[in-house]
Every structure is written in C-alpha cells, then in structure tokens.
Protein backbone atom coordinates (compact mmCIF):
# COMPACT_ATOMS: atom_id res chain seq x y z
CA UNK A 1 6.01 -6.00 -25.81
CA UNK A 2 1.35 -6.12 -25.39
CA UNK A 3 1.13 -4.01 -22.77
CA UNK A 4 -1.15 -7.48 -21.26
CA UNK A 5 1.81 -9.40 -21.37
CA UNK A 6 4.18 -6.29 -18.77
CA UNK A 7 0.71 -6.01 -16.50
CA UNK A 8 1.22 -9.70 -15.72
CA UNK A 9 4.80 -9.38 -15.28
CA UNK A 10 4.55 -7.11 -12.64
CA UNK A 11 1.85 -8.16 -10.62
CA UNK A 12 3.61 -11.51 -10.18
CA UNK A 13 6.23 -9.77 -8.49
CA UNK A 14 3.68 -8.07 -6.73
CA UNK A 15 1.95 -11.02 -5.72
CA UNK A 16 5.85 -12.21 -5.01
CA UNK A 17 6.41 -9.32 -2.76
CA UNK A 18 3.14 -9.10 -1.39
CA UNK A 19 3.32 -12.77 0.32
CA UNK A 20 7.22 -12.04 1.37
CA UNK A 21 6.37 -9.27 3.54
CA UNK A 22 3.25 -11.68 5.35
CA UNK A 23 5.90 -14.67 5.07
CA UNK A 24 8.24 -12.39 7.17
CA UNK A 25 5.34 -11.26 9.36
CA UNK A 26 5.12 -15.02 10.29
CA UNK A 27 8.33 -15.92 10.26
CA UNK A 28 9.28 -13.31 12.90
CA UNK A 29 6.14 -13.26 15.11
CA UNK A 30 6.79 -16.99 15.80
CA UNK A 31 10.65 -15.85 16.13
CA UNK A 32 8.88 -13.62 19.33
CA UNK A 33 6.95 -16.71 20.40
CA UNK A 34 10.31 -18.82 21.19
CA UNK A 35 12.21 -16.51 22.51
CA UNK A 36 9.11 -16.55 25.15
CA UNK A 37 8.56 -19.99 25.82
CA UNK A 38 12.87 -20.01 25.06
CA UNK A 39 12.10 -16.99 28.58
CA UNK A 40 9.50 -19.02 30.29
CA UNK A 41 11.72 -22.88 29.56
CA UNK A 42 15.32 -21.89 30.86
CA UNK A 43 13.84 -20.01 33.89
CA UNK A 44 15.23 -16.23 33.66
CA UNK A 45 13.82 -13.03 33.93
CA UNK A 46 11.52 -10.90 31.38
CA UNK A 47 14.35 -8.47 31.72
CA UNK A 48 16.75 -10.48 29.96
CA UNK A 49 16.11 -10.32 26.27
CA UNK A 50 13.81 -7.25 26.79
CA UNK A 51 15.66 -4.80 24.12
CA UNK A 52 15.90 -7.53 22.29
CA UNK A 53 12.11 -8.33 22.31
CA UNK A 54 11.82 -4.73 21.87
CA UNK A 55 13.10 -4.89 19.41
CA UNK A 56 11.58 -7.28 17.89
CA UNK A 57 8.36 -5.45 18.21
CA UNK A 58 10.22 -2.11 16.25
CA UNK A 59 11.31 -4.80 13.34
CA UNK A 60 7.65 -6.07 13.49
CA UNK A 61 5.79 -2.30 12.71
CA UNK A 62 7.88 -1.94 9.89
CA UNK A 63 6.52 -4.80 8.36
CA UNK A 64 3.04 -3.58 9.39
CA UNK A 65 4.27 -0.17 7.52
CA UNK A 66 5.54 -2.41 4.93
CA UNK A 67 2.84 -4.47 4.35
CA UNK A 68 0.18 -0.52 4.67
CA UNK A 69 2.11 0.01 1.76
CA UNK A 70 1.95 -3.07 -0.04
CA UNK A 71 -1.64 -2.94 -0.40
CA UNK A 72 -1.52 0.62 -1.59
CA UNK A 73 0.62 0.27 -3.41
CA UNK A 74 -2.29 -3.09 -4.81
CA UNK A 75 -4.52 -0.19 -5.59
CA UNK A 76 -2.70 2.03 -7.66
CA UNK A 77 -1.24 -0.52 -10.23
CA UNK A 78 -4.70 -1.36 -10.94
CA UNK A 79 -5.96 1.80 -11.21
CA UNK A 80 -3.05 2.66 -13.76
CA UNK A 81 -3.76 -0.24 -15.15
CA UNK A 82 -7.21 0.55 -16.02
CA UNK A 83 -5.83 4.13 -17.07
CA UNK A 84 -3.76 2.16 -19.27
CA UNK A 85 -6.72 0.48 -21.12
CA UNK A 86 -5.01 -2.71 -19.86
CA UNK A 87 -8.51 -4.48 -19.02
CA UNK A 88 -7.68 -7.94 -17.89
CA UNK A 89 -8.50 -10.76 -15.41
CA UNK A 90 -6.82 -13.73 -13.75
CA UNK A 91 -8.28 -16.78 -15.84
CA UNK A 92 -8.00 -20.75 -13.69
CA UNK A 93 -6.50 -21.47 -10.46
CA UNK A 94 -4.39 -19.84 -8.09
CA UNK A 95 -2.62 -20.88 -5.66
CA UNK A 96 -1.13 -17.70 -3.74
CA UNK A 97 0.05 -20.21 -1.41
CA UNK A 98 2.67 -20.95 -4.25
CA UNK A 99 4.28 -18.10 -6.51
CA UNK A 100 5.30 -20.06 -9.42
CA UNK A 101 1.06 -21.10 -10.61
CA UNK A 102 1.64 -17.31 -11.79
CA UNK A 103 4.21 -18.86 -14.59
CA UNK A 104 1.55 -20.89 -15.67
CA UNK A 105 -1.92 -18.68 -15.70
CA UNK A 106 -3.49 -18.15 -18.66
CA UNK A 107 -3.68 -14.05 -18.58
CA UNK A 108 -6.61 -13.00 -21.70
CA UNK A 109 -7.85 -9.76 -22.30
CA UNK A 110 -11.26 -8.85 -21.05
CA UNK A 111 -14.14 -6.23 -22.14
C-alpha cells in the first residue's frame, strides 16, 4: 500500500480522536454547568453534590491532559510523515465538524 494512503488513514483517525476528546470536554463542561444550575434550581446547599463535582473537575483535568497529549502526538506524526518522505496536503473543503467528510477528501502528493 502506498505510504500516502496509509498516512491519510492515520490522519483520519487522528482527527476523529482529537474531535472526540474535544466533544468529551464540551459534554463534561456542560454537565458541570447543569449540576450547578440543578443545585441552584433545587435550592440545596453547595455541600450537596460537592464530591461529585470534584470528581467531574478531575475528569475535566484528565481530558485536558489527553487533549494536550493528542496535540503533541499530532506534531510528532507531522514530523514522522516528513521523515518518511511523505509530502501530502489535504485538498478541497474539509468540514471538521463532520468527520465523514474526511473519507471523501482527496489527497495528492506534493513536491
């Protein structure tokens, strides 16, 4: 299999994973907002659910570390791609909100 197609397959999975981590962070942040609003709506003390909120903060922190690791991995793979002599560039419109569009994005060898 040609290197450029292998690189495209890996890039597609990388983008999907990055988007999944971002989506998980958004969901967790929205959950925190809902927890705080629910406590206020129910008129309960801030002590109620405090341990659960603290665990969610830990999860958000872990997701933040995961996101940083993915960004660093992305950079490492970009360097690896160049070391392997793969000079590719995505061509055409890419909707990063819709990962299915990556499967239809043409790849061409540059350079």
